[in-house]
Amino acid sequence: LGVTPTLGPYLLPAILPAIHAEFTGLKLYVREAPPADLETDLREARHDVILTTEPVLSRELAYAALFREPVRLAIAREHRLATRDRISRSDLRGEEVLTIGEHHLFHAQILDVCKRVGASVRRDYEGTSLDALRQMVVMNMGLAFLPALYIRSEIRDREELRIADVQGLPIFRRHVLVWRATSPS
């Protein structure tokens, strides 16, 4: 099973125990990689299936939609927006947003969001992980959009960060299960 590093560590602990209980003889080897690498590895039979986010770019692959995951805004407690109960799209105009590296589909999604609201992506820093992004936000180096599964799994101390939704800007990641189109059904 190939899985993206922005999904696997936060989803698999919730689902693997039930899968293991149901299919006791199943040996599931899990490998993390960016989506483009996962697709290549799947096409070259290094994986049997992958869990990734849309879009799936290869026509050699088939997929089934699994679920939509909300993406929320992380704000340092010292930031001017941290005291607001409601954050509007216009509040983000001119703000600097931190994001994960370009080889992740999540990066492109955040770039698009920033263009729509007039925010800018910090070019001098791209996180290597969601944890790195969180730490940069804690140090008030910018805002970051983080997936809900990550927030639920990893952010326990709401004193260091404020987590908010942006009104009028629903952001979701669409997760899919992908296999080779030539695989038996």
N, C-alpha and C. Protein backbone atom coordinates (compact mmCIF):
# COMPACT_ATOMS: atom_id res chain seq x y z
N LEU A 1 0.84 -1.17 0.00
CA LEU A 1 0.00 0.00 0.00
C LEU A 1 0.89 1.23 0.00
N GLY A 2 0.75 2.05 -1.02
CA GLY A 2 1.44 3.33 -1.04
C GLY A 2 0.49 4.39 -0.52
N VAL A 3 1.03 5.35 0.20
CA VAL A 3 0.20 6.39 0.79
C VAL A 3 1.00 7.68 0.88
N THR A 4 0.31 8.80 0.74
CA THR A 4 0.99 10.09 0.84
C THR A 4 1.34 10.38 2.30
N PRO A 5 2.47 11.06 2.54
CA PRO A 5 2.86 11.37 3.92
C PRO A 5 1.97 12.41 4.59
N THR A 6 1.12 13.08 3.83
CA THR A 6 0.19 14.04 4.44
C THR A 6 -1.15 13.37 4.77
N LEU A 7 -1.26 12.07 4.51
CA LEU A 7 -2.48 11.33 4.82
C LEU A 7 -2.22 10.10 5.68
N GLY A 8 -1.28 9.28 5.28
CA GLY A 8 -1.04 7.99 5.92
C GLY A 8 -0.91 8.01 7.44
N PRO A 9 -0.02 8.82 7.99
CA PRO A 9 0.18 8.79 9.44
C PRO A 9 -1.05 9.21 10.24
N TYR A 10 -2.00 9.88 9.61
CA TYR A 10 -3.16 10.43 10.32
C TYR A 10 -4.43 9.61 10.07
N LEU A 11 -4.46 8.85 8.97
CA LEU A 11 -5.61 8.02 8.65
C LEU A 11 -5.38 6.55 9.05
N LEU A 12 -4.21 6.02 8.72
CA LEU A 12 -3.98 4.58 8.90
C LEU A 12 -4.15 4.09 10.34
N PRO A 13 -3.72 4.84 11.36
CA PRO A 13 -3.95 4.35 12.73
C PRO A 13 -5.43 4.17 13.06
N ALA A 14 -6.28 4.89 12.37
CA ALA A 14 -7.72 4.78 12.63
C ALA A 14 -8.36 3.60 11.89
N ILE A 15 -7.77 3.16 10.79
CA ILE A 15 -8.41 2.11 9.99
C ILE A 15 -7.68 0.77 9.98
N LEU A 16 -6.36 0.77 10.19
CA LEU A 16 -5.62 -0.50 10.09
C LEU A 16 -6.00 -1.52 11.16
N PRO A 17 -6.28 -1.14 12.40
CA PRO A 17 -6.69 -2.17 13.37
C PRO A 17 -7.94 -2.94 12.94
N ALA A 18 -8.92 -2.27 12.38
CA ALA A 18 -10.14 -2.95 11.93
C ALA A 18 -9.85 -3.85 10.73
N ILE A 19 -9.00 -3.38 9.82
CA ILE A 19 -8.63 -4.20 8.66
C ILE A 19 -7.87 -5.43 9.13
N HIS A 20 -6.95 -5.26 10.05
CA HIS A 20 -6.19 -6.40 10.57
C HIS A 20 -7.10 -7.40 11.30
N ALA A 21 -8.07 -6.90 12.06
CA ALA A 21 -8.99 -7.79 12.76
C ALA A 21 -9.85 -8.59 11.80
N GLU A 22 -10.26 -7.97 10.70
CA GLU A 22 -11.11 -8.63 9.70
C GLU A 22 -10.33 -9.60 8.83
N PHE A 23 -9.12 -9.22 8.47
CA PHE A 23 -8.30 -10.02 7.55
C PHE A 23 -6.98 -10.37 8.24
N THR A 24 -7.04 -11.31 9.17
CA THR A 24 -5.90 -11.63 10.03
C THR A 24 -4.69 -12.13 9.26
N GLY A 25 -4.89 -12.74 8.12
CA GLY A 25 -3.76 -13.27 7.33
C GLY A 25 -3.14 -12.25 6.38
N LEU A 26 -3.73 -11.08 6.29
CA LEU A 26 -3.24 -10.06 5.36
C LEU A 26 -1.95 -9.43 5.87
N LYS A 27 -0.95 -9.40 5.03
CA LYS A 27 0.28 -8.69 5.33
C LYS A 27 0.28 -7.44 4.46
N LEU A 28 0.14 -6.32 5.10
CA LEU A 28 0.02 -5.05 4.39
C LEU A 28 1.30 -4.24 4.62
N TYR A 29 2.07 -4.09 3.57
CA TYR A 29 3.30 -3.30 3.65
C TYR A 29 2.97 -1.87 3.22
N VAL A 30 3.31 -0.91 4.07
CA VAL A 30 2.95 0.48 3.84
C VAL A 30 4.21 1.27 3.51
N ARG A 31 4.13 2.04 2.42
CA ARG A 31 5.24 2.93 2.04
C ARG A 31 4.67 4.30 1.73
N GLU A 32 5.37 5.33 2.24
CA GLU A 32 4.95 6.71 1.99
C GLU A 32 5.79 7.33 0.88
N ALA A 33 5.14 8.15 0.07
CA ALA A 33 5.83 8.89 -0.99
C ALA A 33 4.89 9.99 -1.49
N PRO A 34 5.45 11.00 -2.15
CA PRO A 34 4.60 12.03 -2.78
C PRO A 34 3.71 11.40 -3.85
N PRO A 35 2.58 12.03 -4.17
CA PRO A 35 1.62 11.45 -5.11
C PRO A 35 2.21 11.05 -6.47
N ALA A 36 3.03 11.88 -7.08
CA ALA A 36 3.58 11.54 -8.40
C ALA A 36 4.42 10.27 -8.31
N ASP A 37 5.21 10.13 -7.25
CA ASP A 37 6.02 8.92 -7.06
C ASP A 37 5.14 7.71 -6.81
N LEU A 38 4.06 7.90 -6.06
CA LEU A 38 3.14 6.79 -5.81
C LEU A 38 2.53 6.28 -7.12
N GLU A 39 2.11 7.22 -7.98
CA GLU A 39 1.52 6.81 -9.26
C GLU A 39 2.53 6.05 -10.11
N THR A 40 3.74 6.53 -10.16
CA THR A 40 4.80 5.83 -10.92
C THR A 40 5.02 4.44 -10.35
N ASP A 41 5.15 4.36 -9.05
CA ASP A 41 5.39 3.06 -8.40
C ASP A 41 4.21 2.10 -8.61
N LEU A 42 3.00 2.62 -8.63
CA LEU A 42 1.83 1.78 -8.87
C LEU A 42 1.85 1.25 -10.30
N ARG A 43 2.11 2.12 -11.27
CA ARG A 43 2.17 1.70 -12.67
C ARG A 43 3.26 0.65 -12.88
N GLU A 44 4.36 0.77 -12.14
CA GLU A 44 5.49 -0.17 -12.27
C GLU A 44 5.38 -1.34 -11.31
N ALA A 45 4.22 -1.55 -10.71
CA ALA A 45 3.88 -2.70 -9.86
C ALA A 45 4.71 -2.77 -8.58
N ARG A 46 5.20 -1.65 -8.11
CA ARG A 46 5.87 -1.62 -6.79
C ARG A 46 4.83 -1.54 -5.67
N HIS A 47 3.62 -1.13 -6.02
CA HIS A 47 2.48 -1.10 -5.10
C HIS A 47 1.33 -1.84 -5.77
N ASP A 48 0.46 -2.39 -4.95
CA ASP A 48 -0.78 -2.98 -5.47
C ASP A 48 -1.89 -1.94 -5.53
N VAL A 49 -1.93 -1.08 -4.52
CA VAL A 49 -2.90 0.02 -4.46
C VAL A 49 -2.22 1.20 -3.76
N ILE A 50 -2.79 2.38 -4.00
CA ILE A 50 -2.30 3.56 -3.28
C ILE A 50 -3.49 4.37 -2.75
N LEU A 51 -3.24 5.07 -1.66
CA LEU A 51 -4.17 6.06 -1.12
C LEU A 51 -3.54 7.41 -1.40
N THR A 52 -4.26 8.25 -2.14
CA THR A 52 -3.71 9.54 -2.51
C THR A 52 -4.85 10.54 -2.63
N THR A 53 -4.50 11.74 -3.04
CA THR A 53 -5.51 12.77 -3.26
C THR A 53 -5.72 12.98 -4.74
N GLU A 54 -6.91 13.43 -5.09
CA GLU A 54 -7.17 13.78 -6.49
C GLU A 54 -6.39 15.03 -6.84
N PRO A 55 -6.01 15.21 -8.06
CA PRO A 55 -6.33 14.38 -9.22
C PRO A 55 -5.35 13.22 -9.40
N VAL A 56 -5.85 12.15 -10.00
CA VAL A 56 -5.02 11.04 -10.44
C VAL A 56 -4.68 11.34 -11.90
N LEU A 57 -3.41 11.46 -12.21
CA LEU A 57 -3.01 11.98 -13.51
C LEU A 57 -2.84 10.93 -14.59
N SER A 58 -2.56 9.70 -14.24
CA SER A 58 -2.28 8.67 -15.23
C SER A 58 -3.56 7.99 -15.72
N ARG A 59 -3.67 7.84 -17.02
CA ARG A 59 -4.82 7.13 -17.61
C ARG A 59 -4.71 5.62 -17.45
N GLU A 60 -3.54 5.16 -17.04
CA GLU A 60 -3.33 3.72 -16.81
C GLU A 60 -3.90 3.26 -15.47
N LEU A 61 -4.39 4.21 -14.69
CA LEU A 61 -4.85 3.90 -13.34
C LEU A 61 -6.35 4.14 -13.20
N ALA A 62 -6.97 3.31 -12.38
CA ALA A 62 -8.39 3.46 -12.05
C ALA A 62 -8.47 3.83 -10.57
N TYR A 63 -9.56 4.48 -10.18
CA TYR A 63 -9.67 4.86 -8.77
C TYR A 63 -11.12 4.96 -8.34
N ALA A 64 -11.28 4.91 -7.03
CA ALA A 64 -12.59 5.08 -6.40
C ALA A 64 -12.47 6.17 -5.35
N ALA A 65 -13.42 7.08 -5.34
CA ALA A 65 -13.44 8.14 -4.34
C ALA A 65 -13.73 7.53 -2.97
N LEU A 66 -13.00 7.99 -1.95
CA LEU A 66 -13.19 7.50 -0.59
C LEU A 66 -13.89 8.53 0.29
N PHE A 67 -13.30 9.73 0.42
CA PHE A 67 -13.89 10.75 1.27
C PHE A 67 -13.26 12.10 1.00
N ARG A 68 -13.96 13.14 1.47
CA ARG A 68 -13.45 14.52 1.41
C ARG A 68 -12.98 14.90 2.80
N GLU A 69 -11.79 15.50 2.85
CA GLU A 69 -11.22 15.94 4.12
C GLU A 69 -11.17 17.47 4.15
N PRO A 70 -11.77 18.09 5.14
CA PRO A 70 -11.67 19.55 5.24
C PRO A 70 -10.24 19.99 5.50
N VAL A 71 -9.91 21.17 5.00
CA VAL A 71 -8.62 21.80 5.27
C VAL A 71 -8.93 23.07 6.05
N ARG A 72 -8.19 23.28 7.14
CA ARG A 72 -8.47 24.40 8.04
C ARG A 72 -7.25 25.30 8.16
N LEU A 73 -7.44 26.48 8.67
CA LEU A 73 -6.39 27.48 8.77
C LEU A 73 -5.77 27.46 10.17
N ALA A 74 -4.43 27.38 10.23
CA ALA A 74 -3.69 27.44 11.50
C ALA A 74 -3.08 28.84 11.64
N ILE A 75 -3.28 29.43 12.82
CA ILE A 75 -2.87 30.81 13.08
C ILE A 75 -2.11 30.84 14.41
N ALA A 76 -0.98 31.54 14.44
CA ALA A 76 -0.23 31.70 15.70
C ALA A 76 -1.05 32.53 16.68
N ARG A 77 -0.88 32.25 17.95
CA ARG A 77 -1.66 32.97 18.97
C ARG A 77 -1.35 34.46 19.00
N GLU A 78 -0.15 34.87 18.49
CA GLU A 78 0.20 36.29 18.47
C GLU A 78 -0.28 37.01 17.22
N HIS A 79 -0.79 36.28 16.26
CA HIS A 79 -1.19 36.86 14.98
C HIS A 79 -2.43 37.73 15.14
N ARG A 80 -2.56 38.75 14.32
CA ARG A 80 -3.70 39.68 14.41
C ARG A 80 -5.05 38.99 14.21
N LEU A 81 -5.09 37.85 13.51
CA LEU A 81 -6.36 37.15 13.28
C LEU A 81 -6.72 36.16 14.38
N ALA A 82 -5.80 35.92 15.30
CA ALA A 82 -6.01 34.88 16.32
C ALA A 82 -7.17 35.17 17.26
N THR A 83 -7.53 36.42 17.42
CA THR A 83 -8.62 36.76 18.34
C THR A 83 -9.99 36.82 17.67
N ARG A 84 -10.02 36.67 16.36
CA ARG A 84 -11.29 36.77 15.64
C ARG A 84 -12.08 35.48 15.71
N ASP A 85 -13.36 35.63 15.95
CA ASP A 85 -14.25 34.47 15.93
C ASP A 85 -14.55 34.03 14.50
N ARG A 86 -14.57 35.00 13.60
CA ARG A 86 -14.86 34.70 12.19
C ARG A 86 -13.74 35.26 11.32
N ILE A 87 -13.27 34.43 10.42
CA ILE A 87 -12.23 34.86 9.50
C ILE A 87 -12.83 34.86 8.11
N SER A 88 -12.76 35.99 7.45
CA SER A 88 -13.32 36.09 6.11
C SER A 88 -12.20 35.98 5.08
N ARG A 89 -12.60 35.77 3.85
CA ARG A 89 -11.63 35.71 2.75
C ARG A 89 -10.81 36.99 2.70
N SER A 90 -11.45 38.13 2.89
CA SER A 90 -10.74 39.41 2.80
C SER A 90 -9.71 39.57 3.91
N ASP A 91 -9.89 38.89 5.05
CA ASP A 91 -8.90 38.94 6.13
C ASP A 91 -7.56 38.35 5.69
N LEU A 92 -7.59 37.50 4.68
CA LEU A 92 -6.37 36.83 4.24
C LEU A 92 -5.59 37.63 3.19
N ARG A 93 -6.19 38.69 2.67
CA ARG A 93 -5.53 39.50 1.66
C ARG A 93 -4.21 40.04 2.21
N GLY A 94 -3.12 39.78 1.50
CA GLY A 94 -1.80 40.25 1.89
C GLY A 94 -1.08 39.38 2.90
N GLU A 95 -1.73 38.36 3.43
CA GLU A 95 -1.09 37.47 4.41
C GLU A 95 -0.10 36.53 3.72
N GLU A 96 0.92 36.13 4.47
CA GLU A 96 1.88 35.14 3.99
C GLU A 96 1.45 33.77 4.48
N VAL A 97 1.44 32.81 3.57
CA VAL A 97 1.01 31.45 3.88
C VAL A 97 2.17 30.50 3.64
N LEU A 98 2.39 29.63 4.60
CA LEU A 98 3.40 28.58 4.50
C LEU A 98 2.77 27.36 3.87
N THR A 99 3.55 26.62 3.10
CA THR A 99 3.01 25.40 2.51
C THR A 99 4.09 24.34 2.41
N ILE A 100 3.66 23.14 2.14
CA ILE A 100 4.56 22.00 1.98
C ILE A 100 5.20 22.08 0.60
N GLY A 101 6.24 21.30 0.35
CA GLY A 101 6.99 21.35 -0.90
C GLY A 101 6.17 21.11 -2.15
N GLU A 102 6.70 21.59 -3.27
CA GLU A 102 5.99 21.56 -4.56
C GLU A 102 5.66 20.17 -5.06
N HIS A 103 6.35 19.13 -4.62
CA HIS A 103 6.10 17.78 -5.11
C HIS A 103 4.84 17.16 -4.50
N HIS A 104 4.17 17.89 -3.63
CA HIS A 104 2.90 17.42 -3.05
C HIS A 104 1.74 18.12 -3.75
N LEU A 105 0.67 17.39 -4.03
CA LEU A 105 -0.53 17.99 -4.62
C LEU A 105 -1.12 19.05 -3.70
N PHE A 106 -0.93 18.90 -2.42
CA PHE A 106 -1.44 19.85 -1.44
C PHE A 106 -0.84 21.24 -1.69
N HIS A 107 0.40 21.30 -2.14
CA HIS A 107 1.06 22.57 -2.44
C HIS A 107 0.28 23.33 -3.53
N ALA A 108 -0.06 22.64 -4.60
CA ALA A 108 -0.79 23.28 -5.70
C ALA A 108 -2.16 23.75 -5.23
N GLN A 109 -2.80 22.98 -4.39
CA GLN A 109 -4.10 23.37 -3.88
C GLN A 109 -4.00 24.66 -3.05
N ILE A 110 -2.98 24.76 -2.22
CA ILE A 110 -2.81 25.95 -1.38
C ILE A 110 -2.43 27.16 -2.23
N LEU A 111 -1.62 26.95 -3.26
CA LEU A 111 -1.30 28.04 -4.19
C LEU A 111 -2.58 28.61 -4.79
N ASP A 112 -3.48 27.74 -5.21
CA ASP A 112 -4.74 28.17 -5.81
C ASP A 112 -5.58 28.96 -4.80
N VAL A 113 -5.66 28.48 -3.58
CA VAL A 113 -6.42 29.18 -2.54
C VAL A 113 -5.84 30.57 -2.32
N CYS A 114 -4.52 30.66 -2.24
CA CYS A 114 -3.87 31.96 -2.00
C CYS A 114 -4.16 32.94 -3.14
N LYS A 115 -4.14 32.46 -4.37
CA LYS A 115 -4.47 33.33 -5.51
C LYS A 115 -5.89 33.85 -5.39
N ARG A 116 -6.81 33.00 -4.98
CA ARG A 116 -8.22 33.40 -4.89
C ARG A 116 -8.48 34.44 -3.81
N VAL A 117 -7.69 34.43 -2.73
CA VAL A 117 -7.96 35.36 -1.63
C VAL A 117 -6.96 36.51 -1.54
N GLY A 118 -5.96 36.53 -2.42
CA GLY A 118 -4.99 37.62 -2.39
C GLY A 118 -3.89 37.45 -1.36
N ALA A 119 -3.68 36.24 -0.90
CA ALA A 119 -2.57 35.94 0.01
C ALA A 119 -1.37 35.51 -0.83
N SER A 120 -0.21 35.45 -0.22
CA SER A 120 0.98 35.00 -0.95
C SER A 120 1.60 33.81 -0.24
N VAL A 121 2.14 32.91 -1.03
CA VAL A 121 2.85 31.76 -0.49
C VAL A 121 4.29 32.17 -0.25
N ARG A 122 4.80 31.90 0.93
CA ARG A 122 6.20 32.22 1.24
C ARG A 122 7.08 31.36 0.37
N ARG A 123 7.90 31.97 -0.44
CA ARG A 123 8.80 31.25 -1.35
C ARG A 123 10.13 30.91 -0.69
N ASP A 124 10.45 31.59 0.43
CA ASP A 124 11.73 31.33 1.07
C ASP A 124 11.70 30.11 1.99
N TYR A 125 10.50 29.53 2.16
CA TYR A 125 10.39 28.35 3.01
C TYR A 125 9.26 27.46 2.51
N GLU A 126 9.57 26.20 2.29
CA GLU A 126 8.54 25.20 2.00
C GLU A 126 8.77 24.06 2.97
N GLY A 127 7.72 23.69 3.69
CA GLY A 127 7.84 22.65 4.70
C GLY A 127 8.11 21.28 4.10
N THR A 128 8.87 20.51 4.83
CA THR A 128 9.13 19.13 4.43
C THR A 128 8.08 18.19 5.02
N SER A 129 7.29 18.71 5.95
CA SER A 129 6.23 17.92 6.58
C SER A 129 5.18 18.87 7.14
N LEU A 130 4.04 18.30 7.48
CA LEU A 130 3.00 19.10 8.13
C LEU A 130 3.46 19.55 9.51
N ASP A 131 4.25 18.72 10.20
CA ASP A 131 4.78 19.13 11.50
C ASP A 131 5.69 20.34 11.37
N ALA A 132 6.51 20.39 10.33
CA ALA A 132 7.38 21.55 10.13
C ALA A 132 6.54 22.80 9.90
N LEU A 133 5.48 22.69 9.12
CA LEU A 133 4.59 23.84 8.90
C LEU A 133 4.00 24.32 10.22
N ARG A 134 3.53 23.37 11.02
CA ARG A 134 2.92 23.74 12.30
C ARG A 134 3.92 24.52 13.16
N GLN A 135 5.16 24.08 13.22
CA GLN A 135 6.16 24.76 14.05
C GLN A 135 6.45 26.16 13.53
N MET A 136 6.45 26.34 12.21
CA MET A 136 6.67 27.67 11.64
C MET A 136 5.51 28.60 11.98
N VAL A 137 4.29 28.07 11.98
CA VAL A 137 3.13 28.88 12.36
C VAL A 137 3.23 29.27 13.83
N VAL A 138 3.61 28.32 14.68
CA VAL A 138 3.75 28.61 16.11
C VAL A 138 4.71 29.79 16.32
N MET A 139 5.76 29.87 15.50
CA MET A 139 6.74 30.96 15.60
C MET A 139 6.27 32.22 14.87
N ASN A 140 5.00 32.23 14.42
CA ASN A 140 4.37 33.37 13.77
C ASN A 140 5.11 33.79 12.48
N MET A 141 5.55 32.80 11.72
CA MET A 141 6.25 33.06 10.46
C MET A 141 5.29 33.08 9.28
N GLY A 142 4.03 32.85 9.54
CA GLY A 142 3.00 32.85 8.50
C GLY A 142 1.83 31.98 8.95
N LEU A 143 0.81 31.95 8.13
CA LEU A 143 -0.35 31.11 8.36
C LEU A 143 -0.13 29.81 7.59
N ALA A 144 -0.89 28.78 7.91
CA ALA A 144 -0.81 27.54 7.14
C ALA A 144 -2.18 26.88 7.10
N PHE A 145 -2.50 26.33 5.96
CA PHE A 145 -3.69 25.50 5.83
C PHE A 145 -3.26 24.07 6.12
N LEU A 146 -3.98 23.41 7.03
CA LEU A 146 -3.64 22.06 7.44
C LEU A 146 -4.84 21.14 7.31
N PRO A 147 -4.61 19.89 6.91
CA PRO A 147 -5.71 18.93 6.78
C PRO A 147 -6.32 18.58 8.15
N ALA A 148 -7.62 18.37 8.16
CA ALA A 148 -8.36 18.09 9.40
C ALA A 148 -7.86 16.83 10.10
N LEU A 149 -7.51 15.77 9.36
CA LEU A 149 -7.01 14.56 10.00
C LEU A 149 -5.71 14.82 10.74
N TYR A 150 -4.85 15.64 10.14
CA TYR A 150 -3.60 16.01 10.81
C TYR A 150 -3.91 16.79 12.08
N ILE A 151 -4.80 17.75 12.00
CA ILE A 151 -5.14 18.58 13.16
C ILE A 151 -5.68 17.70 14.28
N ARG A 152 -6.60 16.81 13.95
CA ARG A 152 -7.19 15.94 14.98
C ARG A 152 -6.14 15.02 15.62
N SER A 153 -5.20 14.56 14.83
CA SER A 153 -4.19 13.64 15.32
C SER A 153 -3.05 14.32 16.09
N GLU A 154 -2.63 15.49 15.62
CA GLU A 154 -1.38 16.05 16.10
C GLU A 154 -1.46 17.34 16.91
N ILE A 155 -2.51 18.09 16.80
CA ILE A 155 -2.57 19.37 17.49
C ILE A 155 -3.47 19.24 18.72
N ARG A 156 -2.81 19.06 19.84
CA ARG A 156 -3.54 18.88 21.09
C ARG A 156 -3.58 20.17 21.89
N ASP A 157 -2.56 20.98 21.76
CA ASP A 157 -2.46 22.21 22.54
C ASP A 157 -2.99 23.37 21.73
N ARG A 158 -4.25 23.72 21.95
CA ARG A 158 -4.86 24.82 21.21
C ARG A 158 -4.40 26.17 21.73
N GLU A 159 -3.57 26.16 22.78
CA GLU A 159 -3.01 27.41 23.29
C GLU A 159 -1.96 27.97 22.34
N GLU A 160 -1.21 27.09 21.70
CA GLU A 160 -0.13 27.56 20.83
C GLU A 160 -0.62 27.98 19.45
N LEU A 161 -1.74 27.43 19.02
CA LEU A 161 -2.30 27.72 17.70
C LEU A 161 -3.80 27.93 17.79
N ARG A 162 -4.30 28.73 16.91
CA ARG A 162 -5.75 28.84 16.73
C ARG A 162 -6.07 28.16 15.41
N ILE A 163 -7.09 27.35 15.40
CA ILE A 163 -7.53 26.66 14.19
C ILE A 163 -8.87 27.25 13.79
N ALA A 164 -8.98 27.65 12.54
CA ALA A 164 -10.21 28.32 12.10
C ALA A 164 -10.58 27.89 10.68
N ASP A 165 -11.83 28.13 10.36
CA ASP A 165 -12.30 28.00 8.99
C ASP A 165 -12.41 29.40 8.41
N VAL A 166 -12.30 29.48 7.11
CA VAL A 166 -12.44 30.77 6.43
C VAL A 166 -13.83 30.79 5.80
N GLN A 167 -14.64 31.76 6.20
CA GLN A 167 -16.01 31.85 5.68
C GLN A 167 -15.99 32.06 4.17
N GLY A 168 -16.87 31.35 3.51
CA GLY A 168 -16.99 31.49 2.07
C GLY A 168 -15.86 30.86 1.29
N LEU A 169 -15.05 30.04 1.97
CA LEU A 169 -13.91 29.40 1.31
C LEU A 169 -13.80 27.95 1.79
N PRO A 170 -14.75 27.11 1.38
CA PRO A 170 -14.64 25.71 1.78
C PRO A 170 -13.48 25.05 1.03
N ILE A 171 -12.56 24.48 1.78
CA ILE A 171 -11.40 23.82 1.18
C ILE A 171 -11.43 22.36 1.61
N PHE A 172 -11.32 21.46 0.63
CA PHE A 172 -11.32 20.03 0.90
C PHE A 172 -10.24 19.35 0.09
N ARG A 173 -9.73 18.26 0.63
CA ARG A 173 -8.90 17.34 -0.16
C ARG A 173 -9.77 16.13 -0.44
N ARG A 174 -9.72 15.63 -1.66
CA ARG A 174 -10.51 14.46 -2.03
C ARG A 174 -9.56 13.26 -2.11
N HIS A 175 -9.79 12.29 -1.24
CA HIS A 175 -8.93 11.12 -1.15
C HIS A 175 -9.52 9.97 -1.95
N VAL A 176 -8.63 9.24 -2.62
CA VAL A 176 -9.05 8.15 -3.49
C VAL A 176 -8.17 6.92 -3.26
N LEU A 177 -8.74 5.76 -3.57
CA LEU A 177 -8.01 4.51 -3.62
C LEU A 177 -7.75 4.22 -5.08
N VAL A 178 -6.49 3.95 -5.42
CA VAL A 178 -6.09 3.84 -6.83
C VAL A 178 -5.44 2.48 -7.08
N TRP A 179 -5.70 1.92 -8.26
CA TRP A 179 -5.10 0.65 -8.67
C TRP A 179 -4.83 0.72 -10.17
N ARG A 180 -4.07 -0.25 -10.67
CA ARG A 180 -3.81 -0.30 -12.11
C ARG A 180 -5.09 -0.70 -12.83
N ALA A 181 -5.40 -0.01 -13.91
CA ALA A 181 -6.64 -0.29 -14.66
C ALA A 181 -6.67 -1.71 -15.19
N THR A 182 -5.51 -2.31 -15.36
CA THR A 182 -5.43 -3.67 -15.88
C THR A 182 -5.55 -4.73 -14.78
N SER A 183 -5.63 -4.31 -13.52
CA SER A 183 -5.76 -5.26 -12.42
C SER A 183 -7.15 -5.89 -12.45
N PRO A 184 -7.25 -7.15 -12.02
CA PRO A 184 -8.59 -7.77 -11.94
C PRO A 184 -9.46 -7.04 -10.94
N SER A 185 -10.75 -6.97 -11.21
CA SER A 185 -11.69 -6.27 -10.30
C SER A 185 -11.94 -7.10 -9.06
